[in-house]
Amino acid sequence: MLEDKDANSSPSQNNEFDSSCAAYLRRAVKACAAGDEELGLHLYLAAYEKGTRENGGADADAAFALRKAWVLAVKLKERSLAEYIFEKLAPGEHEVSWGHGFGFDVTVYEERSEPPWS
């Protein structure tokens, strides 16, 4: 059984439960470290969802959670979850705040409906 108080405890009678983005991130990291990557994937998704609601958009923690969820979805061959994660990235320009705690790559593809020479 898990001995981690944070991941294994139920809410108190006062309904005290840390459901912040950071708390979900901690739980996701612990789940993956314990070998449960599927649980980690879902916890990273929950962290992303919570982070975007807390901050009115994706901050560095939410972006990190989405990236980790994507990597796990691809690794676990969870195609529908990978597609769901990809859909969370809306087209267009995005302002990103980044605490430099991790690296990332951005690839931009421009699509056209007809060749530029026509």
PDB file of N, CA and C in Angstrom:
ATOM      1  N   MET A   1       0.835  -1.185   0.000  1.00  0.00           N
ATOM      2  CA  MET A   1       0.000   0.000   0.000  1.00  0.00           C
ATOM      3  C   MET A   1       0.880   1.249   0.000  1.00  0.00           C
ATOM      4  N   LEU A   2       0.353   2.316  -0.532  1.00  0.00           N
ATOM      5  CA  LEU A   2       1.080   3.579  -0.512  1.00  0.00           C
ATOM      6  C   LEU A   2       1.122   4.135   0.898  1.00  0.00           C
ATOM      7  N   GLU A   3       2.263   4.643   1.259  1.00  0.00           N
ATOM      8  CA  GLU A   3       2.382   5.263   2.578  1.00  0.00           C
ATOM      9  C   GLU A   3       2.452   6.773   2.472  1.00  0.00           C
ATOM     10  N   ASP A   4       2.282   7.292   1.284  1.00  0.00           N
ATOM     11  CA  ASP A   4       2.337   8.727   1.065  1.00  0.00           C
ATOM     12  C   ASP A   4       1.048   9.364   1.565  1.00  0.00           C
ATOM     13  N   LYS A   5       1.178  10.169   2.585  1.00  0.00           N
ATOM     14  CA  LYS A   5       0.003  10.803   3.190  1.00  0.00           C
ATOM     15  C   LYS A   5      -0.737  11.670   2.175  1.00  0.00           C
ATOM     16  N   ASP A   6       0.002  12.382   1.334  1.00  0.00           N
ATOM     17  CA  ASP A   6      -0.603  13.300   0.378  1.00  0.00           C
ATOM     18  C   ASP A   6      -1.457  12.567  -0.661  1.00  0.00           C
ATOM     19  N   ALA A   7      -0.959  11.448  -1.163  1.00  0.00           N
ATOM     20  CA  ALA A   7      -1.666  10.739  -2.229  1.00  0.00           C
ATOM     21  C   ALA A   7      -2.674   9.738  -1.689  1.00  0.00           C
ATOM     22  N   ASN A   8      -2.547   9.329  -0.432  1.00  0.00           N
ATOM     23  CA  ASN A   8      -3.355   8.243   0.086  1.00  0.00           C
ATOM     24  C   ASN A   8      -4.428   8.699   1.067  1.00  0.00           C
ATOM     25  N   SER A   9      -4.371   9.928   1.504  1.00  0.00           N
ATOM     26  CA  SER A   9      -5.326  10.372   2.522  1.00  0.00           C
ATOM     27  C   SER A   9      -6.623  10.834   1.870  1.00  0.00           C
ATOM     28  N   SER A  10      -7.686  10.666   2.595  1.00  0.00           N
ATOM     29  CA  SER A  10      -8.974  11.160   2.111  1.00  0.00           C
ATOM     30  C   SER A  10      -9.224  12.527   2.737  1.00  0.00           C
ATOM     31  N   PRO A  11     -10.130  13.290   2.150  1.00  0.00           N
ATOM     32  CA  PRO A  11     -10.406  14.612   2.709  1.00  0.00           C
ATOM     33  C   PRO A  11     -10.926  14.520   4.143  1.00  0.00           C
ATOM     34  N   SER A  12     -10.621  15.528   4.922  1.00  0.00           N
ATOM     35  CA  SER A  12     -11.096  15.552   6.299  1.00  0.00           C
ATOM     36  C   SER A  12     -12.577  15.918   6.324  1.00  0.00           C
ATOM     37  N   GLN A  13     -13.136  15.934   7.503  1.00  0.00           N
ATOM     38  CA  GLN A  13     -14.552  16.294   7.616  1.00  0.00           C
ATOM     39  C   GLN A  13     -14.785  17.758   7.272  1.00  0.00           C
ATOM     40  N   ASN A  14     -13.740  18.543   7.250  1.00  0.00           N
ATOM     41  CA  ASN A  14     -13.849  19.942   6.852  1.00  0.00           C
ATOM     42  C   ASN A  14     -13.684  20.098   5.339  1.00  0.00           C
ATOM     43  N   ASN A  15     -13.614  18.965   4.627  1.00  0.00           N
ATOM     44  CA  ASN A  15     -13.409  18.951   3.178  1.00  0.00           C
ATOM     45  C   ASN A  15     -12.114  19.631   2.771  1.00  0.00           C
ATOM     46  N   GLU A  16     -11.087  19.515   3.596  1.00  0.00           N
ATOM     47  CA  GLU A  16      -9.785  20.071   3.281  1.00  0.00           C
ATOM     48  C   GLU A  16      -9.039  19.077   2.394  1.00  0.00           C
ATOM     49  N   PHE A  17      -8.727  19.505   1.192  1.00  0.00           N
ATOM     50  CA  PHE A  17      -8.004  18.663   0.254  1.00  0.00           C
ATOM     51  C   PHE A  17      -7.279  19.583  -0.699  1.00  0.00           C
ATOM     52  N   ASP A  18      -5.989  19.381  -0.835  1.00  0.00           N
ATOM     53  CA  ASP A  18      -5.200  20.236  -1.706  1.00  0.00           C
ATOM     54  C   ASP A  18      -5.396  19.787  -3.146  1.00  0.00           C
ATOM     55  N   SER A  19      -6.180  20.542  -3.893  1.00  0.00           N
ATOM     56  CA  SER A  19      -6.434  20.197  -5.280  1.00  0.00           C
ATOM     57  C   SER A  19      -5.836  21.233  -6.227  1.00  0.00           C
ATOM     58  N   SER A  20      -4.729  21.834  -5.814  1.00  0.00           N
ATOM     59  CA  SER A  20      -4.072  22.826  -6.655  1.00  0.00           C
ATOM     60  C   SER A  20      -3.308  22.133  -7.780  1.00  0.00           C
ATOM     61  N   CYS A  21      -2.937  22.908  -8.758  1.00  0.00           N
ATOM     62  CA  CYS A  21      -2.136  22.386  -9.867  1.00  0.00           C
ATOM     63  C   CYS A  21      -0.850  21.766  -9.335  1.00  0.00           C
ATOM     64  N   ALA A  22      -0.189  22.454  -8.413  1.00  0.00           N
ATOM     65  CA  ALA A  22       1.068  21.955  -7.850  1.00  0.00           C
ATOM     66  C   ALA A  22       0.870  20.630  -7.118  1.00  0.00           C
ATOM     67  N   ALA A  23      -0.264  20.477  -6.427  1.00  0.00           N
ATOM     68  CA  ALA A  23      -0.534  19.228  -5.710  1.00  0.00           C
ATOM     69  C   ALA A  23      -0.726  18.078  -6.690  1.00  0.00           C
ATOM     70  N   TYR A  24      -1.458  18.327  -7.776  1.00  0.00           N
ATOM     71  CA  TYR A  24      -1.626  17.283  -8.790  1.00  0.00           C
ATOM     72  C   TYR A  24      -0.285  16.933  -9.441  1.00  0.00           C
ATOM     73  N   LEU A  25       0.558  17.939  -9.659  1.00  0.00           N
ATOM     74  CA  LEU A  25       1.887  17.668 -10.223  1.00  0.00           C
ATOM     75  C   LEU A  25       2.704  16.770  -9.299  1.00  0.00           C
ATOM     76  N   ARG A  26       2.667  17.068  -7.989  1.00  0.00           N
ATOM     77  CA  ARG A  26       3.404  16.227  -7.026  1.00  0.00           C
ATOM     78  C   ARG A  26       2.887  14.790  -7.062  1.00  0.00           C
ATOM     79  N   ARG A  27       1.577  14.636  -7.104  1.00  0.00           N
ATOM     80  CA  ARG A  27       1.001  13.286  -7.148  1.00  0.00           C
ATOM     81  C   ARG A  27       1.378  12.560  -8.428  1.00  0.00           C
ATOM     82  N   ALA A  28       1.404  13.277  -9.549  1.00  0.00           N
ATOM     83  CA  ALA A  28       1.768  12.667 -10.831  1.00  0.00           C
ATOM     84  C   ALA A  28       3.211  12.182 -10.814  1.00  0.00           C
ATOM     85  N   VAL A  29       4.100  13.011 -10.285  1.00  0.00           N
ATOM     86  CA  VAL A  29       5.514  12.631 -10.196  1.00  0.00           C
ATOM     87  C   VAL A  29       5.673  11.385  -9.324  1.00  0.00           C
ATOM     88  N   LYS A  30       4.977  11.366  -8.196  1.00  0.00           N
ATOM     89  CA  LYS A  30       5.062  10.210  -7.291  1.00  0.00           C
ATOM     90  C   LYS A  30       4.496   8.953  -7.927  1.00  0.00           C
ATOM     91  N   ALA A  31       3.390   9.086  -8.660  1.00  0.00           N
ATOM     92  CA  ALA A  31       2.792   7.922  -9.320  1.00  0.00           C
ATOM     93  C   ALA A  31       3.748   7.350 -10.364  1.00  0.00           C
ATOM     94  N   CYS A  32       4.367   8.213 -11.145  1.00  0.00           N
ATOM     95  CA  CYS A  32       5.315   7.746 -12.158  1.00  0.00           C
ATOM     96  C   CYS A  32       6.548   7.122 -11.512  1.00  0.00           C
ATOM     97  N   ALA A  33       7.019   7.727 -10.432  1.00  0.00           N
ATOM     98  CA  ALA A  33       8.182   7.174  -9.726  1.00  0.00           C
ATOM     99  C   ALA A  33       7.874   5.805  -9.141  1.00  0.00           C
ATOM    100  N   ALA A  34       6.613   5.577  -8.779  1.00  0.00           N
ATOM    101  CA  ALA A  34       6.198   4.286  -8.224  1.00  0.00           C
ATOM    102  C   ALA A  34       5.882   3.268  -9.324  1.00  0.00           C
ATOM    103  N   GLY A  35       6.029   3.679 -10.594  1.00  0.00           N
ATOM    104  CA  GLY A  35       5.806   2.764 -11.705  1.00  0.00           C
ATOM    105  C   GLY A  35       4.411   2.784 -12.294  1.00  0.00           C
ATOM    106  N   ASP A  36       3.544   3.663 -11.819  1.00  0.00           N
ATOM    107  CA  ASP A  36       2.175   3.733 -12.333  1.00  0.00           C
ATOM    108  C   ASP A  36       2.058   4.918 -13.289  1.00  0.00           C
ATOM    109  N   GLU A  37       2.573   4.727 -14.506  1.00  0.00           N
ATOM    110  CA  GLU A  37       2.580   5.817 -15.478  1.00  0.00           C
ATOM    111  C   GLU A  37       1.178   6.160 -15.970  1.00  0.00           C
ATOM    112  N   GLU A  38       0.283   5.195 -16.006  1.00  0.00           N
ATOM    113  CA  GLU A  38      -1.086   5.486 -16.441  1.00  0.00           C
ATOM    114  C   GLU A  38      -1.767   6.446 -15.463  1.00  0.00           C
ATOM    115  N   LEU A  39      -1.608   6.195 -14.169  1.00  0.00           N
ATOM    116  CA  LEU A  39      -2.139   7.115 -13.168  1.00  0.00           C
ATOM    117  C   LEU A  39      -1.445   8.465 -13.288  1.00  0.00           C
ATOM    118  N   GLY A  40      -0.135   8.449 -13.482  1.00  0.00           N
ATOM    119  CA  GLY A  40       0.620   9.686 -13.658  1.00  0.00           C
ATOM    120  C   GLY A  40       0.098  10.508 -14.821  1.00  0.00           C
ATOM    121  N   LEU A  41      -0.220   9.838 -15.930  1.00  0.00           N
ATOM    122  CA  LEU A  41      -0.768  10.509 -17.102  1.00  0.00           C
ATOM    123  C   LEU A  41      -2.049  11.262 -16.747  1.00  0.00           C
ATOM    124  N   HIS A  42      -2.956  10.587 -16.062  1.00  0.00           N
ATOM    125  CA  HIS A  42      -4.226  11.229 -15.698  1.00  0.00           C
ATOM    126  C   HIS A  42      -4.030  12.348 -14.675  1.00  0.00           C
ATOM    127  N   LEU A  43      -3.087  12.175 -13.776  1.00  0.00           N
ATOM    128  CA  LEU A  43      -2.812  13.237 -12.804  1.00  0.00           C
ATOM    129  C   LEU A  43      -2.175  14.453 -13.473  1.00  0.00           C
ATOM    130  N   TYR A  44      -1.308  14.228 -14.468  1.00  0.00           N
ATOM    131  CA  TYR A  44      -0.744  15.357 -15.214  1.00  0.00           C
ATOM    132  C   TYR A  44      -1.852  16.105 -15.962  1.00  0.00           C
ATOM    133  N   LEU A  45      -2.802  15.367 -16.529  1.00  0.00           N
ATOM    134  CA  LEU A  45      -3.929  16.022 -17.195  1.00  0.00           C
ATOM    135  C   LEU A  45      -4.755  16.831 -16.205  1.00  0.00           C
ATOM    136  N   ALA A  46      -4.985  16.271 -15.025  1.00  0.00           N
ATOM    137  CA  ALA A  46      -5.725  17.002 -13.990  1.00  0.00           C
ATOM    138  C   ALA A  46      -4.966  18.258 -13.574  1.00  0.00           C
ATOM    139  N   ALA A  47      -3.645  18.164 -13.466  1.00  0.00           N
ATOM    140  CA  ALA A  47      -2.824  19.331 -13.115  1.00  0.00           C
ATOM    141  C   ALA A  47      -2.964  20.414 -14.179  1.00  0.00           C
ATOM    142  N   TYR A  48      -2.946  20.002 -15.448  1.00  0.00           N
ATOM    143  CA  TYR A  48      -3.114  20.975 -16.527  1.00  0.00           C
ATOM    144  C   TYR A  48      -4.470  21.672 -16.432  1.00  0.00           C
ATOM    145  N   GLU A  49      -5.524  20.871 -16.306  1.00  0.00           N
ATOM    146  CA  GLU A  49      -6.869  21.441 -16.229  1.00  0.00           C
ATOM    147  C   GLU A  49      -6.991  22.398 -15.041  1.00  0.00           C
ATOM    148  N   LYS A  50      -6.482  21.979 -13.887  1.00  0.00           N
ATOM    149  CA  LYS A  50      -6.557  22.809 -12.686  1.00  0.00           C
ATOM    150  C   LYS A  50      -5.735  24.087 -12.859  1.00  0.00           C
ATOM    151  N   GLY A  51      -4.550  23.946 -13.423  1.00  0.00           N
ATOM    152  CA  GLY A  51      -3.675  25.105 -13.626  1.00  0.00           C
ATOM    153  C   GLY A  51      -4.272  26.143 -14.554  1.00  0.00           C
ATOM    154  N   THR A  52      -4.944  25.701 -15.614  1.00  0.00           N
ATOM    155  CA  THR A  52      -5.550  26.663 -16.529  1.00  0.00           C
ATOM    156  C   THR A  52      -6.740  27.363 -15.883  1.00  0.00           C
ATOM    157  N   ARG A  53      -7.447  26.672 -15.007  1.00  0.00           N
ATOM    158  CA  ARG A  53      -8.582  27.304 -14.306  1.00  0.00           C
ATOM    159  C   ARG A  53      -8.087  28.275 -13.234  1.00  0.00           C
ATOM    160  N   GLU A  54      -7.024  27.895 -12.536  1.00  0.00           N
ATOM    161  CA  GLU A  54      -6.500  28.740 -11.457  1.00  0.00           C
ATOM    162  C   GLU A  54      -5.949  30.050 -11.985  1.00  0.00           C
ATOM    163  N   ASN A  55      -5.345  30.025 -13.154  1.00  0.00           N
ATOM    164  CA  ASN A  55      -4.611  31.186 -13.654  1.00  0.00           C
ATOM    165  C   ASN A  55      -5.240  31.842 -14.870  1.00  0.00           C
ATOM    166  N   GLY A  56      -6.400  31.384 -15.269  1.00  0.00           N
ATOM    167  CA  GLY A  56      -7.047  31.973 -16.438  1.00  0.00           C
ATOM    168  C   GLY A  56      -6.332  31.651 -17.735  1.00  0.00           C
ATOM    169  N   GLY A  57      -5.512  30.674 -17.745  1.00  0.00           N
ATOM    170  CA  GLY A  57      -4.739  30.255 -18.917  1.00  0.00           C
ATOM    171  C   GLY A  57      -3.583  29.396 -18.457  1.00  0.00           C
ATOM    172  N   ALA A  58      -2.875  28.838 -19.403  1.00  0.00           N
ATOM    173  CA  ALA A  58      -1.781  27.922 -19.067  1.00  0.00           C
ATOM    174  C   ALA A  58      -0.545  28.697 -18.611  1.00  0.00           C
ATOM    175  N   ASP A  59      -0.123  28.442 -17.372  1.00  0.00           N
ATOM    176  CA  ASP A  59       1.129  29.009 -16.887  1.00  0.00           C
ATOM    177  C   ASP A  59       2.221  27.954 -17.079  1.00  0.00           C
ATOM    178  N   ALA A  60       3.386  28.189 -16.522  1.00  0.00           N
ATOM    179  CA  ALA A  60       4.514  27.269 -16.702  1.00  0.00           C
ATOM    180  C   ALA A  60       4.208  25.886 -16.140  1.00  0.00           C
ATOM    181  N   ASP A  61       3.570  25.814 -14.971  1.00  0.00           N
ATOM    182  CA  ASP A  61       3.245  24.510 -14.379  1.00  0.00           C
ATOM    183  C   ASP A  61       2.240  23.747 -15.234  1.00  0.00           C
ATOM    184  N   ALA A  62       1.225  24.446 -15.722  1.00  0.00           N
ATOM    185  CA  ALA A  62       0.218  23.791 -16.554  1.00  0.00           C
ATOM    186  C   ALA A  62       0.830  23.319 -17.867  1.00  0.00           C
ATOM    187  N   ALA A  63       1.694  24.138 -18.460  1.00  0.00           N
ATOM    188  CA  ALA A  63       2.370  23.745 -19.701  1.00  0.00           C
ATOM    189  C   ALA A  63       3.260  22.527 -19.467  1.00  0.00           C
ATOM    190  N   PHE A  64       3.962  22.517 -18.337  1.00  0.00           N
ATOM    191  CA  PHE A  64       4.804  21.370 -17.985  1.00  0.00           C
ATOM    192  C   PHE A  64       3.948  20.114 -17.840  1.00  0.00           C
ATOM    193  N   ALA A  65       2.809  20.237 -17.174  1.00  0.00           N
ATOM    194  CA  ALA A  65       1.915  19.096 -16.973  1.00  0.00           C
ATOM    195  C   ALA A  65       1.396  18.569 -18.303  1.00  0.00           C
ATOM    196  N   LEU A  66       1.031  19.470 -19.217  1.00  0.00           N
ATOM    197  CA  LEU A  66       0.526  19.042 -20.517  1.00  0.00           C
ATOM    198  C   LEU A  66       1.614  18.325 -21.307  1.00  0.00           C
ATOM    199  N   ARG A  67       2.826  18.839 -21.237  1.00  0.00           N
ATOM    200  CA  ARG A  67       3.958  18.204 -21.951  1.00  0.00           C
ATOM    201  C   ARG A  67       4.208  16.804 -21.398  1.00  0.00           C
ATOM    202  N   LYS A  68       4.235  16.658 -20.079  1.00  0.00           N
ATOM    203  CA  LYS A  68       4.463  15.347 -19.472  1.00  0.00           C
ATOM    204  C   LYS A  68       3.332  14.386 -19.821  1.00  0.00           C
ATOM    205  N   ALA A  69       2.092  14.886 -19.842  1.00  0.00           N
ATOM    206  CA  ALA A  69       0.953  14.047 -20.211  1.00  0.00           C
ATOM    207  C   ALA A  69       1.097  13.570 -21.653  1.00  0.00           C
ATOM    208  N   TRP A  70       1.531  14.459 -22.535  1.00  0.00           N
ATOM    209  CA  TRP A  70       1.727  14.102 -23.940  1.00  0.00           C
ATOM    210  C   TRP A  70       2.779  12.998 -24.072  1.00  0.00           C
ATOM    211  N   VAL A  71       3.904  13.172 -23.416  1.00  0.00           N
ATOM    212  CA  VAL A  71       4.986  12.178 -23.484  1.00  0.00           C
ATOM    213  C   VAL A  71       4.489  10.819 -22.993  1.00  0.00           C
ATOM    214  N   LEU A  72       3.766  10.806 -21.884  1.00  0.00           N
ATOM    215  CA  LEU A  72       3.253   9.542 -21.349  1.00  0.00           C
ATOM    216  C   LEU A  72       2.195   8.928 -22.259  1.00  0.00           C
ATOM    217  N   ALA A  73       1.313   9.750 -22.834  1.00  0.00           N
ATOM    218  CA  ALA A  73       0.276   9.228 -23.725  1.00  0.00           C
ATOM    219  C   ALA A  73       0.903   8.558 -24.941  1.00  0.00           C
ATOM    220  N   VAL A  74       1.930   9.173 -25.485  1.00  0.00           N
ATOM    221  CA  VAL A  74       2.626   8.582 -26.634  1.00  0.00           C
ATOM    222  C   VAL A  74       3.343   7.305 -26.210  1.00  0.00           C
ATOM    223  N   LYS A  75       4.034   7.349 -25.085  1.00  0.00           N
ATOM    224  CA  LYS A  75       4.767   6.184 -24.595  1.00  0.00           C
ATOM    225  C   LYS A  75       3.838   5.002 -24.323  1.00  0.00           C
ATOM    226  N   LEU A  76       2.678   5.283 -23.738  1.00  0.00           N
ATOM    227  CA  LEU A  76       1.735   4.228 -23.377  1.00  0.00           C
ATOM    228  C   LEU A  76       0.796   3.849 -24.529  1.00  0.00           C
ATOM    229  N   LYS A  77       1.022   4.490 -25.689  1.00  0.00           N
ATOM    230  CA  LYS A  77       0.202   4.228 -26.883  1.00  0.00           C
ATOM    231  C   LYS A  77      -1.281   4.510 -26.631  1.00  0.00           C
ATOM    232  N   GLU A  78      -1.519   5.564 -25.890  1.00  0.00           N
ATOM    233  CA  GLU A  78      -2.886   6.027 -25.602  1.00  0.00           C
ATOM    234  C   GLU A  78      -3.259   7.068 -26.650  1.00  0.00           C
ATOM    235  N   ARG A  79      -3.593   6.588 -27.839  1.00  0.00           N
ATOM    236  CA  ARG A  79      -3.831   7.484 -28.968  1.00  0.00           C
ATOM    237  C   ARG A  79      -4.944   8.491 -28.707  1.00  0.00           C
ATOM    238  N   SER A  80      -6.053   8.055 -28.147  1.00  0.00           N
ATOM    239  CA  SER A  80      -7.166   8.982 -27.925  1.00  0.00           C
ATOM    240  C   SER A  80      -6.784  10.070 -26.926  1.00  0.00           C
ATOM    241  N   LEU A  81      -6.021   9.714 -25.898  1.00  0.00           N
ATOM    242  CA  LEU A  81      -5.572  10.735 -24.938  1.00  0.00           C
ATOM    243  C   LEU A  81      -4.554  11.670 -25.586  1.00  0.00           C
ATOM    244  N   ALA A  82      -3.685  11.133 -26.428  1.00  0.00           N
ATOM    245  CA  ALA A  82      -2.708  11.975 -27.123  1.00  0.00           C
ATOM    246  C   ALA A  82      -3.433  12.977 -28.020  1.00  0.00           C
ATOM    247  N   GLU A  83      -4.468  12.525 -28.719  1.00  0.00           N
ATOM    248  CA  GLU A  83      -5.251  13.433 -29.558  1.00  0.00           C
ATOM    249  C   GLU A  83      -5.957  14.488 -28.705  1.00  0.00           C
ATOM    250  N   TYR A  84      -6.500  14.070 -27.571  1.00  0.00           N
ATOM    251  CA  TYR A  84      -7.171  14.993 -26.652  1.00  0.00           C
ATOM    252  C   TYR A  84      -6.193  16.074 -26.172  1.00  0.00           C
ATOM    253  N   ILE A  85      -4.995  15.651 -25.822  1.00  0.00           N
ATOM    254  CA  ILE A  85      -3.975  16.593 -25.349  1.00  0.00           C
ATOM    255  C   ILE A  85      -3.609  17.567 -26.464  1.00  0.00           C
ATOM    256  N   PHE A  86      -3.436  17.034 -27.678  1.00  0.00           N
ATOM    257  CA  PHE A  86      -3.083  17.882 -28.818  1.00  0.00           C
ATOM    258  C   PHE A  86      -4.166  18.921 -29.077  1.00  0.00           C
ATOM    259  N   GLU A  87      -5.430  18.530 -28.924  1.00  0.00           N
ATOM    260  CA  GLU A  87      -6.542  19.457 -29.149  1.00  0.00           C
ATOM    261  C   GLU A  87      -6.557  20.591 -28.133  1.00  0.00           C
ATOM    262  N   LYS A  88      -5.947  20.399 -26.978  1.00  0.00           N
ATOM    263  CA  LYS A  88      -5.898  21.455 -25.959  1.00  0.00           C
ATOM    264  C   LYS A  88      -5.061  22.637 -26.425  1.00  0.00           C
ATOM    265  N   LEU A  89      -4.190  22.389 -27.384  1.00  0.00           N
ATOM    266  CA  LEU A  89      -3.359  23.463 -27.919  1.00  0.00           C
ATOM    267  C   LEU A  89      -4.126  24.143 -29.044  1.00  0.00           C
ATOM    268  N   ALA A  90      -4.717  25.270 -28.725  1.00  0.00           N
ATOM    269  CA  ALA A  90      -5.522  25.993 -29.706  1.00  0.00           C
ATOM    270  C   ALA A  90      -4.612  26.625 -30.760  1.00  0.00           C
ATOM    271  N   PRO A  91      -5.092  26.738 -32.005  1.00  0.00           N
ATOM    272  CA  PRO A  91      -4.279  27.383 -33.038  1.00  0.00           C
ATOM    273  C   PRO A  91      -4.127  28.868 -32.759  1.00  0.00           C
ATOM    274  N   GLY A  92      -3.108  29.439 -33.325  1.00  0.00           N
ATOM    275  CA  GLY A  92      -2.895  30.876 -33.193  1.00  0.00           C
ATOM    276  C   GLY A  92      -1.693  31.202 -32.336  1.00  0.00           C
ATOM    277  N   GLU A  93      -1.583  32.464 -31.993  1.00  0.00           N
ATOM    278  CA  GLU A  93      -0.463  32.931 -31.188  1.00  0.00           C
ATOM    279  C   GLU A  93      -0.776  32.745 -29.715  1.00  0.00           C
ATOM    280  N   HIS A  94       0.247  32.381 -28.948  1.00  0.00           N
ATOM    281  CA  HIS A  94       0.082  32.156 -27.523  1.00  0.00           C
ATOM    282  C   HIS A  94       1.196  32.850 -26.759  1.00  0.00           C
ATOM    283  N   GLU A  95       0.794  33.554 -25.719  1.00  0.00           N
ATOM    284  CA  GLU A  95       1.789  34.129 -24.826  1.00  0.00           C
ATOM    285  C   GLU A  95       2.129  33.080 -23.783  1.00  0.00           C
ATOM    286  N   VAL A  96       3.407  32.861 -23.580  1.00  0.00           N
ATOM    287  CA  VAL A  96       3.851  31.825 -22.658  1.00  0.00           C
ATOM    288  C   VAL A  96       4.729  32.443 -21.590  1.00  0.00           C
ATOM    289  N   SER A  97       4.405  32.188 -20.326  1.00  0.00           N
ATOM    290  CA  SER A  97       5.316  32.572 -19.252  1.00  0.00           C
ATOM    291  C   SER A  97       6.101  31.316 -18.881  1.00  0.00           C
ATOM    292  N   TRP A  98       7.372  31.474 -18.688  1.00  0.00           N
ATOM    293  CA  TRP A  98       8.242  30.316 -18.531  1.00  0.00           C
ATOM    294  C   TRP A  98       9.264  30.603 -17.446  1.00  0.00           C
ATOM    295  N   GLY A  99       9.315  29.743 -16.446  1.00  0.00           N
ATOM    296  CA  GLY A  99      10.247  29.917 -15.338  1.00  0.00           C
ATOM    297  C   GLY A  99      11.613  29.299 -15.585  1.00  0.00           C
ATOM    298  N   HIS A 100      11.877  28.828 -16.797  1.00  0.00           N
ATOM    299  CA  HIS A 100      13.154  28.215 -17.179  1.00  0.00           C
ATOM    300  C   HIS A 100      13.480  26.955 -16.382  1.00  0.00           C
ATOM    301  N   GLY A 101      12.454  26.331 -15.798  1.00  0.00           N
ATOM    302  CA  GLY A 101      12.659  25.098 -15.036  1.00  0.00           C
ATOM    303  C   GLY A 101      12.733  23.865 -15.921  1.00  0.00           C
ATOM    304  N   PHE A 102      12.454  24.027 -17.209  1.00  0.00           N
ATOM    305  CA  PHE A 102      12.495  22.917 -18.151  1.00  0.00           C
ATOM    306  C   PHE A 102      12.675  23.501 -19.552  1.00  0.00           C
ATOM    307  N   GLY A 103      13.085  22.670 -20.470  1.00  0.00           N
ATOM    308  CA  GLY A 103      13.257  23.093 -21.851  1.00  0.00           C
ATOM    309  C   GLY A 103      12.098  22.616 -22.709  1.00  0.00           C
ATOM    310  N   PHE A 104      11.917  23.248 -23.855  1.00  0.00           N
ATOM    311  CA  PHE A 104      10.886  22.791 -24.776  1.00  0.00           C
ATOM    312  C   PHE A 104      11.266  23.214 -26.185  1.00  0.00           C
ATOM    313  N   ASP A 105      10.715  22.512 -27.151  1.00  0.00           N
ATOM    314  CA  ASP A 105      10.916  22.811 -28.560  1.00  0.00           C
ATOM    315  C   ASP A 105       9.585  23.234 -29.158  1.00  0.00           C
ATOM    316  N   VAL A 106       9.636  24.179 -30.059  1.00  0.00           N
ATOM    317  CA  VAL A 106       8.432  24.619 -30.752  1.00  0.00           C
ATOM    318  C   VAL A 106       8.672  24.466 -32.250  1.00  0.00           C
ATOM    319  N   THR A 107       7.785  23.776 -32.918  1.00  0.00           N
ATOM    320  CA  THR A 107       7.840  23.629 -34.365  1.00  0.00           C
ATOM    321  C   THR A 107       6.589  24.272 -34.939  1.00  0.00           C
ATOM    322  N   VAL A 108       6.771  25.202 -35.842  1.00  0.00           N
ATOM    323  CA  VAL A 108       5.656  25.913 -36.445  1.00  0.00           C
ATOM    324  C   VAL A 108       5.471  25.414 -37.868  1.00  0.00           C
ATOM    325  N   TYR A 109       4.253  25.030 -38.193  1.00  0.00           N
ATOM    326  CA  TYR A 109       3.897  24.607 -39.542  1.00  0.00           C
ATOM    327  C   TYR A 109       2.881  25.588 -40.097  1.00  0.00           C
ATOM    328  N   GLU A 110       3.156  26.090 -41.287  1.00  0.00           N
ATOM    329  CA  GLU A 110       2.207  26.984 -41.929  1.00  0.00           C
ATOM    330  C   GLU A 110       1.440  26.178 -42.968  1.00  0.00           C
ATOM    331  N   GLU A 111       0.129  26.218 -42.901  1.00  0.00           N
ATOM    332  CA  GLU A 111      -0.710  25.490 -43.849  1.00  0.00           C
ATOM    333  C   GLU A 111      -1.354  26.475 -44.804  1.00  0.00           C
ATOM    334  N   ARG A 112      -1.463  26.052 -46.043  1.00  0.00           N
ATOM    335  CA  ARG A 112      -2.112  26.882 -47.053  1.00  0.00           C
ATOM    336  C   ARG A 112      -3.136  26.046 -47.786  1.00  0.00           C
ATOM    337  N   SER A 113      -4.146  26.699 -48.277  1.00  0.00           N
ATOM    338  CA  SER A 113      -5.179  25.980 -49.012  1.00  0.00           C
ATOM    339  C   SER A 113      -4.801  25.820 -50.482  1.00  0.00           C
ATOM    340  N   GLU A 114      -3.874  26.634 -50.960  1.00  0.00           N
ATOM    341  CA  GLU A 114      -3.418  26.512 -52.339  1.00  0.00           C
ATOM    342  C   GLU A 114      -1.955  26.915 -52.397  1.00  0.00           C
ATOM    343  N   PRO A 115      -1.231  26.478 -53.427  1.00  0.00           N
ATOM    344  CA  PRO A 115       0.190  26.829 -53.524  1.00  0.00           C
ATOM    345  C   PRO A 115       0.370  28.344 -53.641  1.00  0.00           C
ATOM    346  N   PRO A 116       1.474  28.873 -53.103  1.00  0.00           N
ATOM    347  CA  PRO A 116       1.669  30.329 -53.108  1.00  0.00           C
ATOM    348  C   PRO A 116       1.847  30.896 -54.522  1.00  0.00           C
ATOM    349  N   TRP A 117       2.209  30.090 -55.510  1.00  0.00           N
ATOM    350  CA  TRP A 117       2.456  30.590 -56.859  1.00  0.00           C
ATOM    351  C   TRP A 117       1.200  30.625 -57.735  1.00  0.00           C
ATOM    352  N   SER A 118       0.059  30.149 -57.231  1.00  0.00           N
ATOM    353  CA  SER A 118      -1.135  30.110 -58.094  1.00  0.00           C
ATOM    354  C   SER A 118      -1.895  31.421 -58.081  1.00  0.00           C
TER     355      SER A 118
END
